[in-house]
Protein backbone atom coordinates (compact mmCIF):
# COMPACT_ATOMS: atom_id res chain seq x y z
CA UNK A 1 18.62 183.35 110.51
CA UNK A 2 21.85 184.44 108.72
CA UNK A 3 21.92 184.35 105.01
CA UNK A 4 24.03 181.57 103.51
CA UNK A 5 26.41 184.13 102.06
CA UNK A 6 26.98 185.45 105.60
CA UNK A 7 28.27 182.12 106.92
CA UNK A 8 32.00 182.11 107.62
CA UNK A 9 34.23 180.42 105.15
CA UNK A 10 35.90 177.11 106.20
CA UNK A 11 39.48 176.26 105.69
CA UNK A 12 38.71 172.57 105.02
CA UNK A 13 37.23 171.33 101.68
CA UNK A 14 33.62 170.33 101.57
CA UNK A 15 31.96 167.69 99.44
CA UNK A 16 28.33 167.51 98.20
CA UNK A 17 26.31 164.62 99.60
CA UNK A 18 22.52 165.35 99.30
CA UNK A 19 19.81 168.01 99.05
CA UNK A 20 18.65 169.50 102.30
CA UNK A 21 15.09 171.08 102.57
CA UNK A 22 14.62 173.85 105.08
CA UNK A 23 11.14 175.17 105.96
CA UNK A 24 10.68 178.63 107.43
CA UNK A 25 8.13 181.54 107.68
CA UNK A 26 9.14 182.85 104.27
CA UNK A 27 8.62 179.51 102.57
CA UNK A 28 10.57 176.39 101.73
CA UNK A 29 14.12 176.47 100.55
CA UNK A 30 16.11 173.63 98.98
CA UNK A 31 19.84 173.99 99.37
CA UNK A 32 22.66 171.52 98.78
CA UNK A 33 23.75 169.95 102.03
CA UNK A 34 27.46 169.52 102.56
CA UNK A 35 29.73 167.55 104.91
CA UNK A 36 33.26 168.19 105.87
CA UNK A 37 35.98 165.90 104.62
CA UNK A 38 37.85 164.47 107.61
CA UNK A 39 41.60 164.36 107.99
CA UNK A 40 43.37 161.36 106.53
CA UNK A 41 43.59 158.51 109.00
CA UNK A 42 46.83 156.85 110.03
CA UNK A 43 48.05 153.80 108.17
CA UNK A 44 47.07 150.47 109.66
CA UNK A 45 49.62 147.97 111.07
CA UNK A 46 51.30 145.46 108.72
CA UNK A 47 49.69 142.08 108.61
CA UNK A 48 51.46 138.98 109.96
CA UNK A 49 53.70 136.92 107.59
CA UNK A 50 52.07 133.88 106.13
CA UNK A 51 53.15 130.38 106.90
CA UNK A 52 55.98 128.75 104.87
CA UNK A 53 54.81 126.61 102.01
CA UNK A 54 55.26 122.87 102.03
CA UNK A 55 58.55 121.37 100.67
CA UNK A 56 58.39 120.39 97.04
CA UNK A 57 58.83 116.82 95.98
CA UNK A 58 62.20 115.34 95.00
CA UNK A 59 63.23 115.89 91.41
CA UNK A 60 63.87 113.06 88.94
CA UNK A 61 67.19 111.29 89.02
CA UNK A 62 69.67 112.43 86.40
CA UNK A 63 71.08 110.28 83.68
CA UNK A 64 73.91 107.88 84.55
CA UNK A 65 77.33 109.07 83.34
CA UNK A 66 79.62 106.98 81.14
CA UNK A 67 81.83 104.40 82.81
CA UNK A 68 85.33 105.75 83.45
CA UNK A 69 88.38 104.10 82.00
CA UNK A 70 91.91 103.52 83.25
CA UNK A 71 94.16 105.35 80.79
CA UNK A 72 97.44 104.77 82.49
CA UNK A 73 100.05 103.61 79.95
CA UNK A 74 102.39 100.78 80.76
CA UNK A 75 105.94 101.91 81.50
CA UNK A 76 109.27 100.05 81.40
CA UNK A 77 112.54 100.60 83.08
CA UNK A 78 115.73 98.55 83.20
CA UNK A 79 119.21 98.16 84.68
CA UNK A 80 122.30 96.34 83.61
CA UNK A 81 124.83 94.85 86.05
CA UNK A 82 128.56 94.48 85.81
CA UNK A 83 129.60 90.90 84.90
CA UNK A 84 128.49 88.69 87.80
CA UNK A 85 130.13 85.34 88.68
CA UNK A 86 127.79 82.27 88.79
CA UNK A 87 125.75 82.13 92.02
CA UNK A 88 126.92 85.61 93.09
CA UNK A 89 124.66 88.55 94.06
CA UNK A 90 124.65 92.22 93.08
CA UNK A 91 122.50 94.84 94.86
CA UNK A 92 121.35 98.35 93.83
CA UNK A 93 118.36 100.57 93.21
CA UNK A 94 116.27 101.25 90.14
CA UNK A 95 113.90 104.25 89.59
CA UNK A 96 110.28 103.21 89.08
CA UNK A 97 107.46 104.95 90.99
CA UNK A 98 106.51 105.60 94.56
CA UNK A 99 103.87 102.89 94.18
CA UNK A 100 103.47 100.54 91.22
CA UNK A 101 101.89 97.44 89.76
CA UNK A 102 104.48 95.05 88.33
CA UNK A 103 103.27 93.21 85.25
CA UNK A 104 106.35 91.48 83.73
CA UNK A 105 110.02 90.90 84.41
CA UNK A 106 112.46 90.16 81.58
CA UNK A 107 116.05 88.91 82.31
CA UNK A 108 118.73 88.73 79.68
CA UNK A 109 120.20 85.65 81.38
CA UNK A 110 118.88 83.20 83.95
CA UNK A 111 118.84 84.75 87.40
CA UNK A 112 116.96 85.42 90.61
CA UNK A 113 115.47 88.90 91.02
CA UNK A 114 114.22 90.31 94.35
CA UNK A 115 112.67 93.79 94.82
CA UNK A 116 112.32 95.57 98.19
CA UNK A 117 110.57 98.63 99.61
CA UNK A 118 113.51 99.75 101.80
CA UNK A 119 117.27 99.29 101.97
CA UNK A 120 116.85 97.68 105.41
CA UNK A 121 114.58 95.01 103.91
CA UNK A 122 117.09 94.44 101.09
CA UNK A 123 119.99 93.93 103.47
CA UNK A 124 118.03 91.76 105.89
CA UNK A 125 117.04 89.33 103.14
CA UNK A 126 120.29 89.21 101.15
CA UNK A 127 121.41 85.76 102.29
CA UNK A 128 118.01 83.97 102.35
CA UNK A 129 118.06 80.82 100.25
CA UNK A 130 115.59 80.51 97.36
CA UNK A 131 113.81 77.61 98.99
CA UNK A 132 113.23 79.38 102.31
CA UNK A 133 109.91 81.23 102.70
CA UNK A 134 110.39 84.98 103.46
CA UNK A 135 109.03 86.54 106.62
CA UNK A 136 105.65 88.13 106.00
CA UNK A 137 105.76 91.97 106.15
CA UNK A 138 109.51 92.04 105.78
CA UNK A 139 109.45 94.52 102.89
CA UNK A 140 109.99 91.98 100.07
CA UNK A 141 107.89 92.96 97.03
CA UNK A 142 108.70 90.10 94.68
CA UNK A 143 111.10 87.13 94.49
CA UNK A 144 111.45 85.69 91.00
CA UNK A 145 113.83 82.77 90.39
CA UNK A 146 114.15 82.37 86.64
CA UNK A 147 116.59 79.55 85.85
CA UNK A 148 115.43 78.83 82.26
CA UNK A 149 112.68 81.07 80.87
CA UNK A 150 113.90 84.69 80.70
CA UNK A 151 110.36 86.26 80.52
CA UNK A 152 108.16 86.08 83.62
CA UNK A 153 104.60 87.36 83.41
CA UNK A 154 103.27 88.04 86.88
CA UNK A 155 99.74 86.66 87.52
CA UNK A 156 98.54 88.03 89.80
CA UNK A 157 100.46 91.28 89.41
CA UNK A 158 102.80 92.30 92.22
CA UNK A 159 101.98 95.58 93.98
CA UNK A 160 105.00 97.42 95.44
CA UNK A 161 106.04 100.78 96.80
CA UNK A 162 108.95 102.71 98.23
CA UNK A 163 108.54 102.99 102.05
CA UNK A 164 111.31 105.48 102.72
CA UNK A 165 110.42 108.77 104.50
CA UNK A 166 109.72 110.73 102.46
CA UNK A 167 108.88 108.16 99.75
CA UNK A 168 110.88 108.23 96.50
CA UNK A 169 110.70 106.40 93.13
CA UNK A 170 113.75 104.20 94.10
CA UNK A 171 113.11 100.49 94.47
CA UNK A 172 115.83 98.33 96.00
CA UNK A 173 116.86 95.13 94.17
CA UNK A 174 119.15 92.12 94.46
CA UNK A 175 120.08 90.01 91.44
CA UNK A 176 121.68 86.55 91.59
CA UNK A 177 123.40 85.09 88.52
CA UNK A 178 122.00 81.51 87.96
CA UNK A 179 124.50 80.80 85.10
CA UNK A 180 128.08 81.47 84.05
CA UNK A 181 129.79 84.78 84.54
CA UNK A 182 127.87 87.43 82.61
CA UNK A 183 126.35 90.92 82.91
CA UNK A 184 122.59 90.76 83.31
CA UNK A 185 120.05 93.20 82.03
CA UNK A 186 116.71 93.31 83.93
CA UNK A 187 113.67 94.99 82.32
CA UNK A 188 110.49 95.71 84.44
CA UNK A 189 107.11 96.41 82.85
CA UNK A 190 104.78 98.22 85.28
CA UNK A 191 101.87 100.55 85.82
CA UNK A 192 102.49 103.66 87.84
CA UNK A 193 100.01 104.07 90.66
CA UNK A 194 101.62 106.90 92.61
CA UNK A 195 104.20 109.42 91.46
């Protein structure tokens, strides 16, 4: 039997595991038994992805915001005619807004004021008597006959708009003098709804 020193050297490292007893003709020998360390194994495969978690519950409702407010300021515009003979009519345009809410009309002298959305509507309605009902959808915004009281509060308010293409701020009017020959000033109080 070869002596332990005569065993060939190994390239791989060895690790001590336990004592080994060998019995022979020359007696019993106790030597440290060894084992070879194996090569590292290959990495295992990745595991499967886990299932998605359940959807969380709905969060609490947020606080209610403050109530909004309408901060549009009232506006006014006016026009003054040349002197008009009694029962005669003048026509023209006045700049207001593309769309508006008319609140009040003030005339400096008794008269009849009509506002229109287009010049065609103005011309088609020019000779309609005050006691004749206008055709619905004809483009007439308001018809105010004010023979005595020069201030007319509109209740409900009159909504109007320019219906030209493209729309402008021009509103078409006709004014009839209900008194003696005089120049008439018309003032309109309104809220702008579209510029």
